[in-house]
C-alpha atoms as a PDB file:
ATOM      1  CA  PRO A   1      12.115  -4.246  -5.479  1.00  0.00           C
ATOM      2  CA  ARG A   2      12.358  -0.580  -6.214  1.00  0.00           C
ATOM      3  CA  THR A   3       9.984   2.297  -7.193  1.00  0.00           C
ATOM      4  CA  GLU A   4       6.663   0.933  -7.952  1.00  0.00           C
ATOM      5  CA  ASP A   5       7.627  -2.526  -8.135  1.00  0.00           C
ATOM      6  CA  ASN A   6       6.128  -3.940  -5.009  1.00  0.00           C
ATOM      7  CA  TYR A   7       2.782  -1.765  -5.098  1.00  0.00           C
ATOM      8  CA  ALA A   8       2.489  -2.368  -9.061  1.00  0.00           C
ATOM      9  CA  ALA A   9       2.759  -6.203  -8.023  1.00  0.00           C
ATOM     10  CA  MET A  10       0.357  -6.490  -5.539  1.00  0.00           C
ATOM     11  CA  LEU A  11      -1.864  -3.768  -7.902  1.00  0.00           C
ATOM     12  CA  ASN A  12      -1.849  -5.953 -11.084  1.00  0.00           C
ATOM     13  CA  GLY A  13      -2.488  -9.504  -9.054  1.00  0.00           C
ATOM     14  CA  TYR A  14       1.069 -10.701  -9.034  1.00  0.00           C
ATOM     15  CA  TRP A  15       0.281 -11.415  -4.940  1.00  0.00           C
ATOM     16  CA  THR A  16      -0.725 -14.336  -3.869  1.00  0.00           C
ATOM     17  CA  ASP A  17      -2.523 -14.473  -0.909  1.00  0.00           C
ATOM     18  CA  ALA A  18       0.889 -15.372   0.910  1.00  0.00           C
ATOM     19  CA  HIS A  19       2.335 -12.311  -0.334  1.00  0.00           C
ATOM     20  CA  TYR A  20      -0.780 -10.720   1.581  1.00  0.00           C
ATOM     21  CA  LEU A  21       0.087 -12.170   4.780  1.00  0.00           C
ATOM     22  CA  GLN A  22       3.744 -11.800   4.347  1.00  0.00           C
ATOM     23  CA  GLN A  23       3.784  -8.313   3.784  1.00  0.00           C
ATOM     24  CA  LEU A  24       1.104  -6.843   5.371  1.00  0.00           C
ATOM     25  CA  HIS A  25      -0.245  -9.750   7.875  1.00  0.00           C
ATOM     26  CA  MET A  26      -3.799  -9.370   6.141  1.00  0.00           C
ATOM     27  CA  ASN A  27      -5.437 -11.892   3.330  1.00  0.00           C
ATOM     28  CA  ARG A  28      -6.139 -10.236  -0.166  1.00  0.00           C
ATOM     29  CA  SER A  29      -9.852 -10.319   0.811  1.00  0.00           C
ATOM     30  CA  ASN A  30      -9.867  -8.480   4.119  1.00  0.00           C
ATOM     31  CA  PHE A  31      -7.561  -6.056   2.884  1.00  0.00           C
ATOM     32  CA  GLU A  32      -9.729  -5.297  -0.250  1.00  0.00           C
ATOM     33  CA  LYS A  33     -12.564  -4.907   2.482  1.00  0.00           C
ATOM     34  CA  LEU A  34     -10.788  -2.589   4.695  1.00  0.00           C
ATOM     35  CA  CYS A  35      -9.906  -0.360   1.541  1.00  0.00           C
ATOM     36  CA  ASN A  36     -13.553  -0.414   0.599  1.00  0.00           C
ATOM     37  CA  ILE A  37     -14.321   0.673   4.098  1.00  0.00           C
ATOM     38  CA  LEU A  38     -11.862   3.506   4.140  1.00  0.00           C
ATOM     39  CA  ARG A  39     -12.309   4.854   0.536  1.00  0.00           C
ATOM     40  CA  PRO A  40     -14.950   7.196   1.034  1.00  0.00           C
ATOM     41  CA  HIS A  41     -12.490   8.519   4.026  1.00  0.00           C
ATOM     42  CA  SER A  42     -10.186   9.154   1.885  1.00  0.00           C
ATOM     43  CA  ASP A  43      -8.869  12.254   0.855  1.00  0.00           C
ATOM     44  CA  SER A  44      -8.034  11.589  -3.388  1.00  0.00           C
ATOM     45  CA  ASP A  45      -8.394  14.217  -4.693  1.00  0.00           C
ATOM     46  CA  GLY A  46      -4.244  15.464  -4.826  1.00  0.00           C
ATOM     47  CA  SER A  47      -3.340  18.641  -5.452  1.00  0.00           C
ATOM     48  CA  ASN A  48      -2.483  20.797  -8.339  1.00  0.00           C
ATOM     49  CA  PHE A  49       1.164  19.500  -8.033  1.00  0.00           C
ATOM     50  CA  LYS A  50       0.433  15.683  -7.637  1.00  0.00           C
ATOM     51  CA  ALA A  51      -1.668  12.659  -8.664  1.00  0.00           C
ATOM     52  CA  PRO A  52      -4.162  11.135  -5.687  1.00  0.00           C
ATOM     53  CA  VAL A  53      -2.454   8.687  -3.908  1.00  0.00           C
ATOM     54  CA  PRO A  54      -4.738   5.756  -4.297  1.00  0.00           C
ATOM     55  CA  VAL A  55      -6.256   4.144  -0.858  1.00  0.00           C
ATOM     56  CA  GLU A  56      -4.779   0.869  -1.318  1.00  0.00           C
ATOM     57  CA  LYS A  57      -1.649   2.396  -1.771  1.00  0.00           C
ATOM     58  CA  LYS A  58      -2.302   4.516   1.875  1.00  0.00           C
ATOM     59  CA  VAL A  59      -3.171   1.075   3.229  1.00  0.00           C
ATOM     60  CA  ALA A  60      -0.630  -0.838   2.038  1.00  0.00           C
ATOM     61  CA  VAL A  61       1.968   1.207   3.175  1.00  0.00           C
ATOM     62  CA  THR A  62       0.414   1.915   6.877  1.00  0.00           C
ATOM     63  CA  LEU A  63       0.168  -2.086   7.409  1.00  0.00           C
ATOM     64  CA  PHE A  64       3.417  -2.719   6.422  1.00  0.00           C
ATOM     65  CA  LEU A  65       5.009   0.323   8.376  1.00  0.00           C
ATOM     66  CA  LEU A  66       2.958  -1.004  11.538  1.00  0.00           C
ATOM     67  CA  THR A  67       4.008  -4.466  10.917  1.00  0.00           C
ATOM     68  CA  ASN A  68       7.537  -3.911   9.955  1.00  0.00           C
ATOM     69  CA  GLU A  69       9.840  -2.562  13.064  1.00  0.00           C
ATOM     70  CA  ALA A  70      13.087  -2.271  10.569  1.00  0.00           C
ATOM     71  CA  PHE A  71      11.270  -0.406   8.213  1.00  0.00           C
ATOM     72  CA  SER A  72      10.557   3.810   8.034  1.00  0.00           C
ATOM     73  CA  TYR A  73       8.850   5.858   6.354  1.00  0.00           C
ATOM     74  CA  LYS A  74      12.276   7.331   4.772  1.00  0.00           C
ATOM     75  CA  ASN A  75      12.866   3.893   3.582  1.00  0.00           C
ATOM     76  CA  MET A  76       9.741   2.906   2.437  1.00  0.00           C
ATOM     77  CA  GLU A  77      10.328   5.828  -0.284  1.00  0.00           C
ATOM     78  CA  GLY A  78      11.995   2.839  -2.986  1.00  0.00           C
ATOM     79  CA  TRP A  79      10.104  -0.165  -1.377  1.00  0.00           C
ATOM     80  CA  TRP A  80       6.511   1.356  -2.412  1.00  0.00           C
ATOM     81  CA  GLY A  81       7.085   4.383  -4.876  1.00  0.00           C
ATOM     82  CA  LEU A  82       6.626   7.027  -2.316  1.00  0.00           C
ATOM     83  CA  ALA A  83       8.192  10.706  -2.290  1.00  0.00           C
END
């Protein structure tokens, strides 16, 4: 997947629990619970130049990076649509 494809697939419900477990090492239910816990603490106001990054994307990228040694933040740009 390129650009936002991976994140869009997750967000639009195309990911099954198997995808969540494979990509994030967490099932969908626990991922959603974690996002809800972190949401009040997420700085999601954005800036004058960029739209805010949703907490789901922040959590997904963090979990993916923590569980995939082969990826660095730099090469995550294409995988999760980060710039």
